[in-house]
Amino acid sequence: MQVNQSRGDEQQARYTGTMPISLAYSVDADDAFMFYALHAGGVSTRGLEFTHRRGDTSELNALAQAGEIDVVAISAGAYPAVSDKYLILPHGASVGRGFGPVLVARQPMTLADLAGRRIGIPGLSTTAWLVLRQMQTGLVPVVVPIAPFGRIFECLDAGAIDAALLIHEGRLIYQGRGYVRVAEIGEWWQVETGLPLPLGVNVIRRGLGSERIALLSAILREAIDYALDHRDEIIHALAAEQRGEAALAETALLDRYLAMYANEDTRAMAPDARRAIEVLFDRAAKAGLLPADCRVEWAP
């Protein structure tokens, strides 16, 4: 016990006073939930200083490609493009078990009806778009960032797109706005593979070095543990955030959303979720959507 404490003290002393650790994560509730403890003082940061940056999914994937952020929450499907710069953390994932992003339209139609038509998507590098292209070819992507939240619905109502691929909280409110589901991405994936769908992962920059990576991984794991142990408190804190949409401040919606995407799969990626990442990349490579040489490597 004293040996472990001594090692922790040495690591803390070594990193105190160094450059801040940069974090980047999305504007949706599950990411804010995971990182809440780091800016709210819920866990010890071992003398490290963290900077927080939030953005839409495409922006985060692009930041990871640039390799300038230490810890980034990215789309699982974006990892092959950044695997030379980042390791996947074994916690902080968003995993859909029989559910996931949904494709919606203004009137009933089939997925085949949308071949050659415009689909509003959250980004070209998102997991949702990667899987949807395996479900149906010939879709025409129109990138509509997730922030501001209501823009995707405005585009759908204006006829600028024929269908919308919804991720994050949008998948919980589309029915109340009169849209109909065309396809449920997570359901299709589970039938096809028998596995959960890994949607988002946290990655950590290789250049930090093994000791700092291990230290940061431990701190981030503690932050997730704190969040899960203080769930109600954090839900009320998130409800007070201004995200430009009244529905996003409803505690019942936040509770439901976090139950889906901030849970035990977030605390630690289960073996089937880890396997699903390998299968995701393998299937996409065989479909010509990703390079075939992606090497998945995990942080401790």
C-alpha atoms as a PDB file:
ATOM      1  CA  MET A   1       0.000   0.000   0.000  1.00  0.00           C
ATOM      2  CA  GLN A   2       2.817   2.389   0.904  1.00  0.00           C
ATOM      3  CA  VAL A   3       4.656   1.472  -2.298  1.00  0.00           C
ATOM      4  CA  ASN A   4       1.606   2.347  -4.433  1.00  0.00           C
ATOM      5  CA  GLN A   5       1.087   5.595  -2.547  1.00  0.00           C
ATOM      6  CA  SER A   6       4.746   6.492  -2.996  1.00  0.00           C
ATOM      7  CA  ARG A   7       4.536   5.862  -6.724  1.00  0.00           C
ATOM      8  CA  GLY A   8       1.426   8.057  -6.917  1.00  0.00           C
ATOM      9  CA  ASP A   9       3.210  10.827  -5.031  1.00  0.00           C
ATOM     10  CA  GLU A  10       6.186  10.601  -7.382  1.00  0.00           C
ATOM     11  CA  GLN A  11       3.927  10.855 -10.426  1.00  0.00           C
ATOM     12  CA  GLN A  12       2.066  13.795  -8.942  1.00  0.00           C
ATOM     13  CA  ALA A  13       5.289  15.637  -8.202  1.00  0.00           C
ATOM     14  CA  ARG A  14       6.651  14.898 -11.649  1.00  0.00           C
ATOM     15  CA  TYR A  15       3.646  16.380 -13.427  1.00  0.00           C
ATOM     16  CA  THR A  16       2.764  19.282 -11.147  1.00  0.00           C
ATOM     17  CA  GLY A  17       3.493  22.556 -12.890  1.00  0.00           C
ATOM     18  CA  THR A  18       3.662  21.065 -16.373  1.00  0.00           C
ATOM     19  CA  MET A  19       1.557  22.126 -19.339  1.00  0.00           C
ATOM     20  CA  PRO A  20      -2.214  21.703 -18.843  1.00  0.00           C
ATOM     21  CA  ILE A  21      -3.887  18.538 -20.074  1.00  0.00           C
ATOM     22  CA  SER A  22      -6.291  19.391 -22.883  1.00  0.00           C
ATOM     23  CA  LEU A  23      -9.679  17.697 -23.050  1.00  0.00           C
ATOM     24  CA  ALA A  24     -12.174  17.947 -25.908  1.00  0.00           C
ATOM     25  CA  TYR A  25     -15.647  16.440 -25.856  1.00  0.00           C
ATOM     26  CA  SER A  26     -19.067  16.979 -27.334  1.00  0.00           C
ATOM     27  CA  VAL A  27     -21.949  19.227 -26.329  1.00  0.00           C
ATOM     28  CA  ASP A  28     -24.205  16.250 -25.600  1.00  0.00           C
ATOM     29  CA  ALA A  29     -25.073  15.176 -22.080  1.00  0.00           C
ATOM     30  CA  ASP A  30     -23.160  11.911 -21.768  1.00  0.00           C
ATOM     31  CA  ASP A  31     -19.812  13.556 -22.498  1.00  0.00           C
ATOM     32  CA  ALA A  32     -20.520  16.386 -20.065  1.00  0.00           C
ATOM     33  CA  PHE A  33     -21.513  13.737 -17.524  1.00  0.00           C
ATOM     34  CA  MET A  34     -18.224  11.841 -17.893  1.00  0.00           C
ATOM     35  CA  PHE A  35     -15.991  14.882 -17.466  1.00  0.00           C
ATOM     36  CA  TYR A  36     -18.098  16.743 -14.885  1.00  0.00           C
ATOM     37  CA  ALA A  37     -16.002  15.779 -11.874  1.00  0.00           C
ATOM     38  CA  LEU A  38     -12.832  17.241 -13.397  1.00  0.00           C
ATOM     39  CA  HIS A  39     -14.081  20.820 -13.392  1.00  0.00           C
ATOM     40  CA  ALA A  40     -16.405  20.460 -10.390  1.00  0.00           C
ATOM     41  CA  GLY A  41     -13.706  19.230  -8.008  1.00  0.00           C
ATOM     42  CA  GLY A  42     -15.263  15.794  -7.591  1.00  0.00           C
ATOM     43  CA  VAL A  43     -11.968  13.906  -7.882  1.00  0.00           C
ATOM     44  CA  SER A  44      -8.309  14.595  -7.259  1.00  0.00           C
ATOM     45  CA  THR A  45      -6.486  15.706 -10.399  1.00  0.00           C
ATOM     46  CA  ARG A  46      -3.109  14.762  -8.828  1.00  0.00           C
ATOM     47  CA  GLY A  47      -1.871  18.307  -9.263  1.00  0.00           C
ATOM     48  CA  LEU A  48      -2.696  18.372 -12.986  1.00  0.00           C
ATOM     49  CA  GLU A  49      -4.583  21.222 -14.619  1.00  0.00           C
ATOM     50  CA  PHE A  50      -7.222  20.360 -17.217  1.00  0.00           C
ATOM     51  CA  THR A  51      -8.549  22.585 -19.968  1.00  0.00           C
ATOM     52  CA  HIS A  52     -12.007  21.811 -21.362  1.00  0.00           C
ATOM     53  CA  ARG A  53     -13.133  22.342 -24.940  1.00  0.00           C
ATOM     54  CA  ARG A  54     -16.527  21.316 -26.307  1.00  0.00           C
ATOM     55  CA  GLY A  55     -17.620  20.990 -29.899  1.00  0.00           C
ATOM     56  CA  ASP A  56     -19.732  19.034 -32.338  1.00  0.00           C
ATOM     57  CA  THR A  57     -18.858  15.499 -33.358  1.00  0.00           C
ATOM     58  CA  SER A  58     -17.189  16.387 -36.663  1.00  0.00           C
ATOM     59  CA  GLU A  59     -15.070  19.037 -34.965  1.00  0.00           C
ATOM     60  CA  LEU A  60     -13.848  16.571 -32.353  1.00  0.00           C
ATOM     61  CA  ASN A  61     -12.941  13.983 -34.959  1.00  0.00           C
ATOM     62  CA  ALA A  62     -10.998  16.672 -36.842  1.00  0.00           C
ATOM     63  CA  LEU A  63      -9.189  17.736 -33.664  1.00  0.00           C
ATOM     64  CA  ALA A  64      -8.068  14.155 -33.159  1.00  0.00           C
ATOM     65  CA  GLN A  65      -6.794  13.992 -36.735  1.00  0.00           C
ATOM     66  CA  ALA A  66      -4.701  17.078 -36.014  1.00  0.00           C
ATOM     67  CA  GLY A  67      -3.302  15.307 -32.934  1.00  0.00           C
ATOM     68  CA  GLU A  68      -3.157  18.431 -30.801  1.00  0.00           C
ATOM     69  CA  ILE A  69      -5.580  17.494 -27.995  1.00  0.00           C
ATOM     70  CA  ASP A  70      -4.489  15.145 -25.219  1.00  0.00           C
ATOM     71  CA  VAL A  71      -7.820  13.409 -24.586  1.00  0.00           C
ATOM     72  CA  VAL A  72     -10.643  13.533 -27.134  1.00  0.00           C
ATOM     73  CA  ALA A  73     -14.109  11.983 -27.247  1.00  0.00           C
ATOM     74  CA  ILE A  74     -14.453  10.832 -30.851  1.00  0.00           C
ATOM     75  CA  SER A  75     -16.664   8.651 -33.000  1.00  0.00           C
ATOM     76  CA  ALA A  76     -15.558   5.029 -32.813  1.00  0.00           C
ATOM     77  CA  GLY A  77     -15.616   4.979 -36.595  1.00  0.00           C
ATOM     78  CA  ALA A  78     -13.088   7.816 -36.703  1.00  0.00           C
ATOM     79  CA  TYR A  79     -10.406   5.909 -34.813  1.00  0.00           C
ATOM     80  CA  PRO A  80      -8.697   4.296 -37.834  1.00  0.00           C
ATOM     81  CA  ALA A  81      -7.819   7.778 -39.118  1.00  0.00           C
ATOM     82  CA  VAL A  82      -6.113   8.706 -35.828  1.00  0.00           C
ATOM     83  CA  SER A  83      -4.780   5.356 -34.611  1.00  0.00           C
ATOM     84  CA  ASP A  84      -1.203   6.443 -35.275  1.00  0.00           C
ATOM     85  CA  LYS A  85      -1.633   9.299 -32.801  1.00  0.00           C
ATOM     86  CA  TYR A  86      -4.007   7.914 -30.159  1.00  0.00           C
ATOM     87  CA  LEU A  87      -4.797   4.903 -27.997  1.00  0.00           C
ATOM     88  CA  ILE A  88      -8.376   4.008 -27.076  1.00  0.00           C
ATOM     89  CA  LEU A  89      -9.145   4.412 -23.388  1.00  0.00           C
ATOM     90  CA  PRO A  90     -10.882   1.397 -21.800  1.00  0.00           C
ATOM     91  CA  HIS A  91     -13.562   3.652 -20.296  1.00  0.00           C
ATOM     92  CA  GLY A  92     -15.724   6.564 -21.393  1.00  0.00           C
ATOM     93  CA  ALA A  93     -17.404   4.760 -24.292  1.00  0.00           C
ATOM     94  CA  SER A  94     -20.943   5.257 -25.597  1.00  0.00           C
ATOM     95  CA  VAL A  95     -22.346   1.852 -26.517  1.00  0.00           C
ATOM     96  CA  GLY A  96     -25.738   1.007 -27.987  1.00  0.00           C
ATOM     97  CA  ARG A  97     -27.152  -2.366 -27.018  1.00  0.00           C
ATOM     98  CA  GLY A  98     -29.907  -2.936 -29.541  1.00  0.00           C
ATOM     99  CA  PHE A  99     -30.299   0.788 -30.115  1.00  0.00           C
ATOM    100  CA  GLY A 100     -28.308   3.638 -31.547  1.00  0.00           C
ATOM    101  CA  PRO A 101     -28.697   6.488 -34.024  1.00  0.00           C
ATOM    102  CA  VAL A 102     -31.969   6.621 -35.944  1.00  0.00           C
ATOM    103  CA  LEU A 103     -32.763   7.644 -39.487  1.00  0.00           C
ATOM    104  CA  VAL A 104     -36.007   9.646 -39.626  1.00  0.00           C
ATOM    105  CA  ALA A 105     -38.134  11.328 -42.280  1.00  0.00           C
ATOM    106  CA  ARG A 106     -41.257  13.450 -42.563  1.00  0.00           C
ATOM    107  CA  GLN A 107     -43.355  10.595 -43.918  1.00  0.00           C
ATOM    108  CA  PRO A 108     -43.134   6.794 -43.917  1.00  0.00           C
ATOM    109  CA  MET A 109     -40.622   5.302 -46.350  1.00  0.00           C
ATOM    110  CA  THR A 110     -38.150   2.466 -46.565  1.00  0.00           C
ATOM    111  CA  LEU A 111     -34.393   2.712 -46.480  1.00  0.00           C
ATOM    112  CA  ALA A 112     -34.285   1.635 -50.135  1.00  0.00           C
ATOM    113  CA  ASP A 113     -36.544   4.587 -51.008  1.00  0.00           C
ATOM    114  CA  LEU A 114     -33.705   6.914 -49.958  1.00  0.00           C
ATOM    115  CA  ALA A 115     -31.133   5.657 -52.445  1.00  0.00           C
ATOM    116  CA  GLY A 116     -29.906   8.686 -54.366  1.00  0.00           C
ATOM    117  CA  ARG A 117     -31.543  11.115 -51.952  1.00  0.00           C
ATOM    118  CA  ARG A 118     -30.116  13.621 -49.469  1.00  0.00           C
ATOM    119  CA  ILE A 119     -29.463  12.450 -45.922  1.00  0.00           C
ATOM    120  CA  GLY A 120     -28.624  14.935 -43.183  1.00  0.00           C
ATOM    121  CA  ILE A 121     -25.763  13.431 -41.198  1.00  0.00           C
ATOM    122  CA  PRO A 122     -23.759  14.657 -38.182  1.00  0.00           C
ATOM    123  CA  GLY A 123     -20.427  14.170 -39.947  1.00  0.00           C
ATOM    124  CA  LEU A 124     -18.668  12.120 -42.583  1.00  0.00           C
ATOM    125  CA  SER A 125     -16.423  10.450 -39.987  1.00  0.00           C
ATOM    126  CA  THR A 126     -19.174   9.452 -37.526  1.00  0.00           C
ATOM    127  CA  THR A 127     -19.949   5.871 -36.610  1.00  0.00           C
ATOM    128  CA  ALA A 128     -23.588   6.422 -37.538  1.00  0.00           C
ATOM    129  CA  TRP A 129     -22.711   7.305 -41.137  1.00  0.00           C
ATOM    130  CA  LEU A 130     -20.172   4.475 -41.349  1.00  0.00           C
ATOM    131  CA  VAL A 131     -22.816   1.903 -40.396  1.00  0.00           C
ATOM    132  CA  LEU A 132     -25.635   3.465 -42.415  1.00  0.00           C
ATOM    133  CA  ARG A 133     -23.545   3.123 -45.583  1.00  0.00           C
ATOM    134  CA  GLN A 134     -23.281  -0.581 -44.864  1.00  0.00           C
ATOM    135  CA  MET A 135     -27.061  -0.758 -44.606  1.00  0.00           C
ATOM    136  CA  GLN A 136     -27.815   1.125 -47.832  1.00  0.00           C
ATOM    137  CA  THR A 137     -25.668   2.308 -50.708  1.00  0.00           C
ATOM    138  CA  GLY A 138     -26.250   5.363 -52.865  1.00  0.00           C
ATOM    139  CA  LEU A 139     -27.188   7.767 -50.078  1.00  0.00           C
ATOM    140  CA  VAL A 140     -26.182  11.396 -50.628  1.00  0.00           C
ATOM    141  CA  PRO A 141     -24.712  12.908 -47.421  1.00  0.00           C
ATOM    142  CA  VAL A 142     -25.395  16.467 -46.336  1.00  0.00           C
ATOM    143  CA  VAL A 143     -23.405  17.357 -43.208  1.00  0.00           C
ATOM    144  CA  VAL A 144     -25.512  19.153 -40.586  1.00  0.00           C
ATOM    145  CA  PRO A 145     -23.532  19.702 -37.350  1.00  0.00           C
ATOM    146  CA  ILE A 146     -25.209  18.684 -34.097  1.00  0.00           C
ATOM    147  CA  ALA A 147     -24.908  22.233 -32.757  1.00  0.00           C
ATOM    148  CA  PRO A 148     -27.129  24.133 -32.775  1.00  0.00           C
ATOM    149  CA  PHE A 149     -29.305  21.219 -31.831  1.00  0.00           C
ATOM    150  CA  GLY A 150     -32.408  22.162 -33.807  1.00  0.00           C
ATOM    151  CA  ARG A 151     -30.687  22.758 -37.144  1.00  0.00           C
ATOM    152  CA  ILE A 152     -31.171  19.191 -38.388  1.00  0.00           C
ATOM    153  CA  PHE A 153     -34.930  19.474 -37.853  1.00  0.00           C
ATOM    154  CA  GLU A 154     -35.019  22.850 -39.579  1.00  0.00           C
ATOM    155  CA  CYS A 155     -33.273  21.354 -42.607  1.00  0.00           C
ATOM    156  CA  LEU A 156     -35.714  18.465 -42.677  1.00  0.00           C
ATOM    157  CA  ASP A 157     -38.744  20.744 -42.430  1.00  0.00           C
ATOM    158  CA  ALA A 158     -37.398  23.056 -45.148  1.00  0.00           C
ATOM    159  CA  GLY A 159     -36.877  20.164 -47.555  1.00  0.00           C
ATOM    160  CA  ALA A 160     -33.123  20.734 -47.706  1.00  0.00           C
ATOM    161  CA  ILE A 161     -32.714  17.054 -46.832  1.00  0.00           C
ATOM    162  CA  ASP A 162     -34.973  14.054 -47.384  1.00  0.00           C
ATOM    163  CA  ALA A 163     -34.106  12.248 -44.149  1.00  0.00           C
ATOM    164  CA  ALA A 164     -32.063  12.914 -41.021  1.00  0.00           C
ATOM    165  CA  LEU A 165     -29.600  10.651 -39.231  1.00  0.00           C
ATOM    166  CA  LEU A 166     -30.012  11.528 -35.554  1.00  0.00           C
ATOM    167  CA  ILE A 167     -27.454  10.914 -32.844  1.00  0.00           C
ATOM    168  CA  HIS A 168     -27.349  12.036 -29.208  1.00  0.00           C
ATOM    169  CA  GLU A 169     -30.563  13.378 -27.654  1.00  0.00           C
ATOM    170  CA  GLY A 170     -32.251  13.931 -31.003  1.00  0.00           C
ATOM    171  CA  ARG A 171     -33.125  10.262 -31.150  1.00  0.00           C
ATOM    172  CA  LEU A 172     -35.365  10.711 -28.091  1.00  0.00           C
ATOM    173  CA  ILE A 173     -37.513  13.612 -29.283  1.00  0.00           C
ATOM    174  CA  TYR A 174     -38.125  13.109 -33.008  1.00  0.00           C
ATOM    175  CA  GLN A 175     -41.487  11.358 -32.528  1.00  0.00           C
ATOM    176  CA  GLY A 176     -42.849  14.263 -30.522  1.00  0.00           C
ATOM    177  CA  ARG A 177     -42.051  16.514 -33.477  1.00  0.00           C
ATOM    178  CA  GLY A 178     -43.995  14.404 -35.912  1.00  0.00           C
ATOM    179  CA  TYR A 179     -41.179  12.553 -37.697  1.00  0.00           C
ATOM    180  CA  VAL A 180     -41.220   8.838 -38.407  1.00  0.00           C
ATOM    181  CA  ARG A 181     -38.438   6.308 -38.103  1.00  0.00           C
ATOM    182  CA  VAL A 182     -36.992   4.835 -41.266  1.00  0.00           C
ATOM    183  CA  ALA A 183     -34.267   2.728 -39.661  1.00  0.00           C
ATOM    184  CA  GLU A 184     -32.739   2.044 -36.257  1.00  0.00           C
ATOM    185  CA  ILE A 185     -28.990   1.667 -36.717  1.00  0.00           C
ATOM    186  CA  GLY A 186     -28.325  -0.212 -33.475  1.00  0.00           C
ATOM    187  CA  GLU A 187     -31.064  -2.759 -34.092  1.00  0.00           C
ATOM    188  CA  TRP A 188     -29.707  -3.536 -37.557  1.00  0.00           C
ATOM    189  CA  TRP A 189     -26.173  -3.885 -36.206  1.00  0.00           C
ATOM    190  CA  GLN A 190     -27.219  -6.272 -33.451  1.00  0.00           C
ATOM    191  CA  VAL A 191     -29.123  -8.501 -35.886  1.00  0.00           C
ATOM    192  CA  GLU A 192     -26.175  -8.502 -38.291  1.00  0.00           C
ATOM    193  CA  THR A 193     -23.395  -9.120 -35.773  1.00  0.00           C
ATOM    194  CA  GLY A 194     -24.931 -10.195 -32.473  1.00  0.00           C
ATOM    195  CA  LEU A 195     -22.882  -7.446 -30.826  1.00  0.00           C
ATOM    196  CA  PRO A 196     -23.483  -4.039 -29.264  1.00  0.00           C
ATOM    197  CA  LEU A 197     -22.714  -0.992 -31.376  1.00  0.00           C
ATOM    198  CA  PRO A 198     -19.709   1.055 -30.176  1.00  0.00           C
ATOM    199  CA  LEU A 199     -20.619   4.631 -31.064  1.00  0.00           C
ATOM    200  CA  GLY A 200     -18.142   6.844 -29.265  1.00  0.00           C
ATOM    201  CA  VAL A 201     -14.810   6.285 -27.527  1.00  0.00           C
ATOM    202  CA  ASN A 202     -12.358   8.392 -25.598  1.00  0.00           C
ATOM    203  CA  VAL A 203      -8.830   8.407 -26.978  1.00  0.00           C
ATOM    204  CA  ILE A 204      -5.569   9.583 -25.438  1.00  0.00           C
ATOM    205  CA  ARG A 205      -2.533  10.960 -27.258  1.00  0.00           C
ATOM    206  CA  ARG A 206       0.351   8.522 -27.580  1.00  0.00           C
ATOM    207  CA  GLY A 207       2.891  11.325 -27.292  1.00  0.00           C
ATOM    208  CA  LEU A 208       2.052  11.816 -23.605  1.00  0.00           C
ATOM    209  CA  GLY A 209       4.165   8.786 -22.756  1.00  0.00           C
ATOM    210  CA  SER A 210       3.260   5.600 -20.913  1.00  0.00           C
ATOM    211  CA  GLU A 211       3.467   6.943 -17.352  1.00  0.00           C
ATOM    212  CA  ARG A 212       1.340  10.000 -17.985  1.00  0.00           C
ATOM    213  CA  ILE A 213      -1.158   7.974 -20.027  1.00  0.00           C
ATOM    214  CA  ALA A 214      -1.567   5.555 -17.112  1.00  0.00           C
ATOM    215  CA  LEU A 215      -2.000   8.419 -14.648  1.00  0.00           C
ATOM    216  CA  LEU A 216      -4.560  10.217 -16.803  1.00  0.00           C
ATOM    217  CA  SER A 217      -6.458   7.015 -17.462  1.00  0.00           C
ATOM    218  CA  ALA A 218      -6.763   6.453 -13.716  1.00  0.00           C
ATOM    219  CA  ILE A 219      -8.007  10.011 -13.123  1.00  0.00           C
ATOM    220  CA  LEU A 220     -10.554   9.792 -15.928  1.00  0.00           C
ATOM    221  CA  ARG A 221     -11.781   6.439 -14.619  1.00  0.00           C
ATOM    222  CA  GLU A 222     -12.298   8.011 -11.200  1.00  0.00           C
ATOM    223  CA  ALA A 223     -14.231  10.891 -12.799  1.00  0.00           C
ATOM    224  CA  ILE A 224     -16.612   8.419 -14.441  1.00  0.00           C
ATOM    225  CA  ASP A 225     -17.016   6.519 -11.175  1.00  0.00           C
ATOM    226  CA  TYR A 226     -17.843   9.808  -9.455  1.00  0.00           C
ATOM    227  CA  ALA A 227     -20.422  10.690 -12.100  1.00  0.00           C
ATOM    228  CA  LEU A 228     -22.177   7.342 -11.835  1.00  0.00           C
ATOM    229  CA  ASP A 229     -22.185   7.619  -8.039  1.00  0.00           C
ATOM    230  CA  HIS A 230     -23.597  11.191  -8.145  1.00  0.00           C
ATOM    231  CA  ARG A 231     -25.948  10.752 -11.062  1.00  0.00           C
ATOM    232  CA  ASP A 232     -28.945  12.748  -9.806  1.00  0.00           C
ATOM    233  CA  GLU A 233     -26.766  15.668  -8.752  1.00  0.00           C
ATOM    234  CA  ILE A 234     -25.154  15.850 -12.172  1.00  0.00           C
ATOM    235  CA  ILE A 235     -28.441  15.503 -14.046  1.00  0.00           C
ATOM    236  CA  HIS A 236     -29.689  18.646 -12.304  1.00  0.00           C
ATOM    237  CA  ALA A 237     -26.433  20.432 -13.100  1.00  0.00           C
ATOM    238  CA  LEU A 238     -26.712  19.464 -16.773  1.00  0.00           C
ATOM    239  CA  ALA A 239     -30.328  20.589 -16.863  1.00  0.00           C
ATOM    240  CA  ALA A 240     -29.145  24.077 -15.949  1.00  0.00           C
ATOM    241  CA  GLU A 241     -26.861  24.277 -18.982  1.00  0.00           C
ATOM    242  CA  GLN A 242     -27.959  26.434 -21.901  1.00  0.00           C
ATOM    243  CA  ARG A 243     -27.818  24.288 -25.023  1.00  0.00           C
ATOM    244  CA  GLY A 244     -30.321  26.220 -27.126  1.00  0.00           C
ATOM    245  CA  GLU A 245     -33.212  23.780 -26.817  1.00  0.00           C
ATOM    246  CA  ALA A 246     -35.759  23.612 -23.995  1.00  0.00           C
ATOM    247  CA  ALA A 247     -36.207  19.846 -24.350  1.00  0.00           C
ATOM    248  CA  LEU A 248     -32.544  19.282 -23.510  1.00  0.00           C
ATOM    249  CA  ALA A 249     -33.091  20.766 -20.051  1.00  0.00           C
ATOM    250  CA  GLU A 250     -35.770  18.253 -19.051  1.00  0.00           C
ATOM    251  CA  THR A 251     -34.464  16.028 -16.262  1.00  0.00           C
ATOM    252  CA  ALA A 252     -36.615  13.101 -17.419  1.00  0.00           C
ATOM    253  CA  LEU A 253     -35.039  13.239 -20.879  1.00  0.00           C
ATOM    254  CA  LEU A 254     -31.551  13.517 -19.408  1.00  0.00           C
ATOM    255  CA  ASP A 255     -32.230  10.575 -17.115  1.00  0.00           C
ATOM    256  CA  ARG A 256     -33.392   8.440 -20.036  1.00  0.00           C
ATOM    257  CA  TYR A 257     -30.528   9.502 -22.280  1.00  0.00           C
ATOM    258  CA  LEU A 258     -27.846   8.870 -19.662  1.00  0.00           C
ATOM    259  CA  ALA A 259     -29.337   5.470 -18.925  1.00  0.00           C
ATOM    260  CA  MET A 260     -28.658   4.629 -22.571  1.00  0.00           C
ATOM    261  CA  TYR A 261     -25.195   6.111 -23.035  1.00  0.00           C
ATOM    262  CA  ALA A 262     -23.595   6.791 -19.629  1.00  0.00           C
ATOM    263  CA  ASN A 263     -23.717   3.548 -17.723  1.00  0.00           C
ATOM    264  CA  GLU A 264     -21.627   0.473 -16.907  1.00  0.00           C
ATOM    265  CA  ASP A 265     -20.391   0.356 -20.501  1.00  0.00           C
ATOM    266  CA  THR A 266     -19.008   3.832 -19.849  1.00  0.00           C
ATOM    267  CA  ARG A 267     -17.324   2.762 -16.623  1.00  0.00           C
ATOM    268  CA  ALA A 268     -15.439  -0.023 -18.409  1.00  0.00           C
ATOM    269  CA  MET A 269     -15.770  -1.430 -21.908  1.00  0.00           C
ATOM    270  CA  ALA A 270     -17.051  -4.989 -21.720  1.00  0.00           C
ATOM    271  CA  PRO A 271     -15.364  -7.711 -23.798  1.00  0.00           C
ATOM    272  CA  ASP A 272     -18.236  -7.787 -26.304  1.00  0.00           C
ATOM    273  CA  ALA A 273     -17.975  -4.018 -26.840  1.00  0.00           C
ATOM    274  CA  ARG A 274     -14.229  -4.307 -27.424  1.00  0.00           C
ATOM    275  CA  ARG A 275     -14.848  -7.119 -29.874  1.00  0.00           C
ATOM    276  CA  ALA A 276     -17.493  -5.002 -31.601  1.00  0.00           C
ATOM    277  CA  ILE A 277     -14.911  -2.308 -32.376  1.00  0.00           C
ATOM    278  CA  GLU A 278     -12.779  -4.869 -34.199  1.00  0.00           C
ATOM    279  CA  VAL A 279     -15.827  -6.138 -36.086  1.00  0.00           C
ATOM    280  CA  LEU A 280     -16.901  -2.590 -36.969  1.00  0.00           C
ATOM    281  CA  PHE A 281     -13.553  -1.859 -38.587  1.00  0.00           C
ATOM    282  CA  ASP A 282     -13.315  -5.251 -40.278  1.00  0.00           C
ATOM    283  CA  ARG A 283     -16.772  -4.999 -41.846  1.00  0.00           C
ATOM    284  CA  ALA A 284     -16.172  -1.410 -42.963  1.00  0.00           C
ATOM    285  CA  ALA A 285     -12.830  -2.362 -44.499  1.00  0.00           C
ATOM    286  CA  LYS A 286     -14.414  -5.221 -46.431  1.00  0.00           C
ATOM    287  CA  ALA A 287     -17.041  -2.765 -47.714  1.00  0.00           C
ATOM    288  CA  GLY A 288     -14.278  -0.424 -48.872  1.00  0.00           C
ATOM    289  CA  LEU A 289     -15.231   2.246 -46.347  1.00  0.00           C
ATOM    290  CA  LEU A 290     -12.087   2.070 -44.186  1.00  0.00           C
ATOM    291  CA  PRO A 291      -8.486   1.014 -44.748  1.00  0.00           C
ATOM    292  CA  ALA A 292      -7.804  -2.613 -43.962  1.00  0.00           C
ATOM    293  CA  ASP A 293      -4.722  -2.019 -41.817  1.00  0.00           C
ATOM    294  CA  CYS A 294      -6.240  -0.335 -38.736  1.00  0.00           C
ATOM    295  CA  ARG A 295      -4.554  -1.544 -35.568  1.00  0.00           C
ATOM    296  CA  VAL A 296      -6.665  -1.123 -32.423  1.00  0.00           C
ATOM    297  CA  GLU A 297      -4.542  -0.384 -29.369  1.00  0.00           C
ATOM    298  CA  TRP A 298      -5.776   0.197 -25.854  1.00  0.00           C
ATOM    299  CA  ALA A 299      -4.527   2.447 -23.086  1.00  0.00           C
ATOM    300  CA  PRO A 300      -4.254   0.899 -19.620  1.00  0.00           C
END
